[in-house]
C-alpha atoms as a PDB file:
ATOM      1  CA  MET A   1       0.000   0.000   0.000  1.00  0.00           C
ATOM      2  CA  ILE A   2       2.788   2.442   0.900  1.00  0.00           C
ATOM      3  CA  THR A   3       4.530   1.715  -2.404  1.00  0.00           C
ATOM      4  CA  ILE A   4       1.465   2.666  -4.424  1.00  0.00           C
ATOM      5  CA  ALA A   5       0.969   5.824  -2.345  1.00  0.00           C
ATOM      6  CA  CYS A   6       4.629   6.783  -2.886  1.00  0.00           C
ATOM      7  CA  ILE A   7       4.313   6.227  -6.641  1.00  0.00           C
ATOM      8  CA  ILE A   8       1.211   8.416  -6.833  1.00  0.00           C
ATOM      9  CA  ALA A   9       2.861  11.083  -4.668  1.00  0.00           C
ATOM     10  CA  GLY A  10       6.011  10.898  -6.830  1.00  0.00           C
ATOM     11  CA  VAL A  11       4.005  11.499  -9.984  1.00  0.00           C
ATOM     12  CA  ALA A  12       2.175  14.425  -8.372  1.00  0.00           C
ATOM     13  CA  VAL A  13       5.419  16.002  -7.120  1.00  0.00           C
ATOM     14  CA  SER A  14       7.064  15.471 -10.512  1.00  0.00           C
ATOM     15  CA  CYS A  15       4.168  17.253 -12.235  1.00  0.00           C
ATOM     16  CA  ALA A  16       4.464  20.081  -9.714  1.00  0.00           C
ATOM     17  CA  LEU A  17       8.209  20.292 -10.439  1.00  0.00           C
ATOM     18  CA  LEU A  18       7.584  20.556 -14.176  1.00  0.00           C
ATOM     19  CA  LEU A  19       4.958  23.265 -13.745  1.00  0.00           C
ATOM     20  CA  THR A  20       7.241  25.174 -11.399  1.00  0.00           C
ATOM     21  CA  LEU A  21      10.125  24.928 -13.871  1.00  0.00           C
ATOM     22  CA  TYR A  22       7.815  26.392 -16.513  1.00  0.00           C
ATOM     23  CA  ARG A  23       6.970  29.322 -14.221  1.00  0.00           C
ATOM     24  CA  LEU A  24      10.665  29.775 -13.434  1.00  0.00           C
ATOM     25  CA  ALA A  25      11.548  29.968 -17.118  1.00  0.00           C
ATOM     26  CA  VAL A  26       8.577  32.023 -18.358  1.00  0.00           C
ATOM     27  CA  GLY A  27       7.722  34.069 -15.259  1.00  0.00           C
ATOM     28  CA  PRO A  28       6.681  37.581 -16.249  1.00  0.00           C
ATOM     29  CA  ASP A  29       8.628  39.246 -13.436  1.00  0.00           C
ATOM     30  CA  ALA A  30      11.679  38.623 -11.265  1.00  0.00           C
ATOM     31  CA  VAL A  31       9.491  38.295  -8.181  1.00  0.00           C
ATOM     32  CA  ASP A  32       7.524  35.481  -9.835  1.00  0.00           C
ATOM     33  CA  ARG A  33      10.785  33.728 -10.596  1.00  0.00           C
ATOM     34  CA  VAL A  34      11.925  33.973  -6.963  1.00  0.00           C
ATOM     35  CA  ILE A  35       8.610  32.537  -5.777  1.00  0.00           C
ATOM     36  CA  ALA A  36       8.915  29.760  -8.360  1.00  0.00           C
ATOM     37  CA  LEU A  37      12.433  29.022  -7.123  1.00  0.00           C
ATOM     38  CA  ASP A  38      11.165  28.768  -3.546  1.00  0.00           C
ATOM     39  CA  THR A  39       8.373  26.455  -4.671  1.00  0.00           C
ATOM     40  CA  LEU A  40      10.917  24.401  -6.595  1.00  0.00           C
ATOM     41  CA  VAL A  41      12.928  23.959  -3.391  1.00  0.00           C
ATOM     42  CA  VAL A  42       9.832  22.798  -1.498  1.00  0.00           C
ATOM     43  CA  ASN A  43       8.946  20.330  -4.264  1.00  0.00           C
ATOM     44  CA  THR A  44      12.492  19.002  -4.349  1.00  0.00           C
ATOM     45  CA  ILE A  45      12.405  18.487  -0.580  1.00  0.00           C
ATOM     46  CA  ALA A  46       9.172  16.524  -0.995  1.00  0.00           C
ATOM     47  CA  LEU A  47      10.816  14.373  -3.670  1.00  0.00           C
ATOM     48  CA  ILE A  48      13.848  13.712  -1.439  1.00  0.00           C
ATOM     49  CA  VAL A  49      11.555  12.684   1.425  1.00  0.00           C
ATOM     50  CA  LEU A  50       9.611  10.376  -0.896  1.00  0.00           C
ATOM     51  CA  VAL A  51      12.827   8.720  -2.044  1.00  0.00           C
ATOM     52  CA  GLY A  52      13.803   8.292   1.607  1.00  0.00           C
ATOM     53  CA  ILE A  53      10.485   6.610   2.351  1.00  0.00           C
ATOM     54  CA  VAL A  54      10.737   4.277  -0.640  1.00  0.00           C
ATOM     55  CA  TYR A  55      14.308   3.195   0.079  1.00  0.00           C
ATOM     56  CA  GLY A  56      13.993   3.340   3.882  1.00  0.00           C
ATOM     57  CA  SER A  57      17.000   5.630   4.170  1.00  0.00           C
ATOM     58  CA  ALA A  58      17.381   7.957   7.147  1.00  0.00           C
ATOM     59  CA  ILE A  59      20.117   9.956   5.430  1.00  0.00           C
ATOM     60  CA  SER A  60      17.568  11.269   2.922  1.00  0.00           C
ATOM     61  CA  PHE A  61      15.683  13.041   5.683  1.00  0.00           C
ATOM     62  CA  GLU A  62      18.851  14.734   6.874  1.00  0.00           C
ATOM     63  CA  ALA A  63      19.598  15.765   3.298  1.00  0.00           C
ATOM     64  CA  ALA A  64      16.078  17.200   3.025  1.00  0.00           C
ATOM     65  CA  LEU A  65      16.626  19.266   6.190  1.00  0.00           C
ATOM     66  CA  LEU A  66      19.916  20.631   4.880  1.00  0.00           C
ATOM     67  CA  PHE A  67      18.345  21.418   1.530  1.00  0.00           C
ATOM     68  CA  ALA A  68      15.494  23.235   3.301  1.00  0.00           C
ATOM     69  CA  MET A  69      17.917  25.421   5.236  1.00  0.00           C
ATOM     70  CA  VAL A  70      19.945  26.289   2.140  1.00  0.00           C
ATOM     71  CA  GLY A  71      16.754  26.962   0.167  1.00  0.00           C
ATOM     72  CA  PHE A  72      15.462  29.315   2.853  1.00  0.00           C
ATOM     73  CA  VAL A  73      18.701  31.296   2.944  1.00  0.00           C
ATOM     74  CA  THR A  74      18.747  31.474  -0.861  1.00  0.00           C
ATOM     75  CA  THR A  75      15.178  32.765  -1.016  1.00  0.00           C
ATOM     76  CA  VAL A  76      15.843  35.407   1.623  1.00  0.00           C
ATOM     77  CA  SER A  77      19.003  36.491  -0.228  1.00  0.00           C
ATOM     78  CA  PHE A  78      17.198  36.811  -3.549  1.00  0.00           C
ATOM     79  CA  CYS A  79      14.370  38.811  -1.972  1.00  0.00           C
ATOM     80  CA  LYS A  80      16.807  41.107  -0.226  1.00  0.00           C
ATOM     81  CA  TYR A  81      18.677  41.622  -3.490  1.00  0.00           C
ATOM     82  CA  LEU A  82      15.470  42.485  -5.346  1.00  0.00           C
ATOM     83  CA  LEU A  83      14.336  44.923  -2.657  1.00  0.00           C
ATOM     84  CA  ARG A  84      17.607  46.711  -1.903  1.00  0.00           C
ATOM     85  CA  GLY A  85      20.010  45.902  -4.737  1.00  0.00           C
ATOM     86  CA  ASN A  86      22.584  44.270  -2.467  1.00  0.00           C
ATOM     87  CA  VAL A  87      22.638  41.322  -0.116  1.00  0.00           C
ATOM     88  CA  ILE A  88      25.246  42.328   2.442  1.00  0.00           C
ATOM     89  CA  GLU A  89      24.901  45.755   3.966  1.00  0.00           C
END
């Protein structure tokens, strides 16, 4: 049962990744691209967690946590750059 649920969730997350990549490439504004990049990070974290569930690997969850922290810092940096023009004051 868990295998079928993981397959369905994997397909849904993969579709979300493709749609987010489209928004990242075509986004009408830089702000839309930053939001798409943040959404892409969240979808990638979901995919890493799904792979960890399928393979029963605990290291995948640690990798997902590290990726979440790096993604958060990246999003904050991009937003700060768009608002002020520099990241470090």
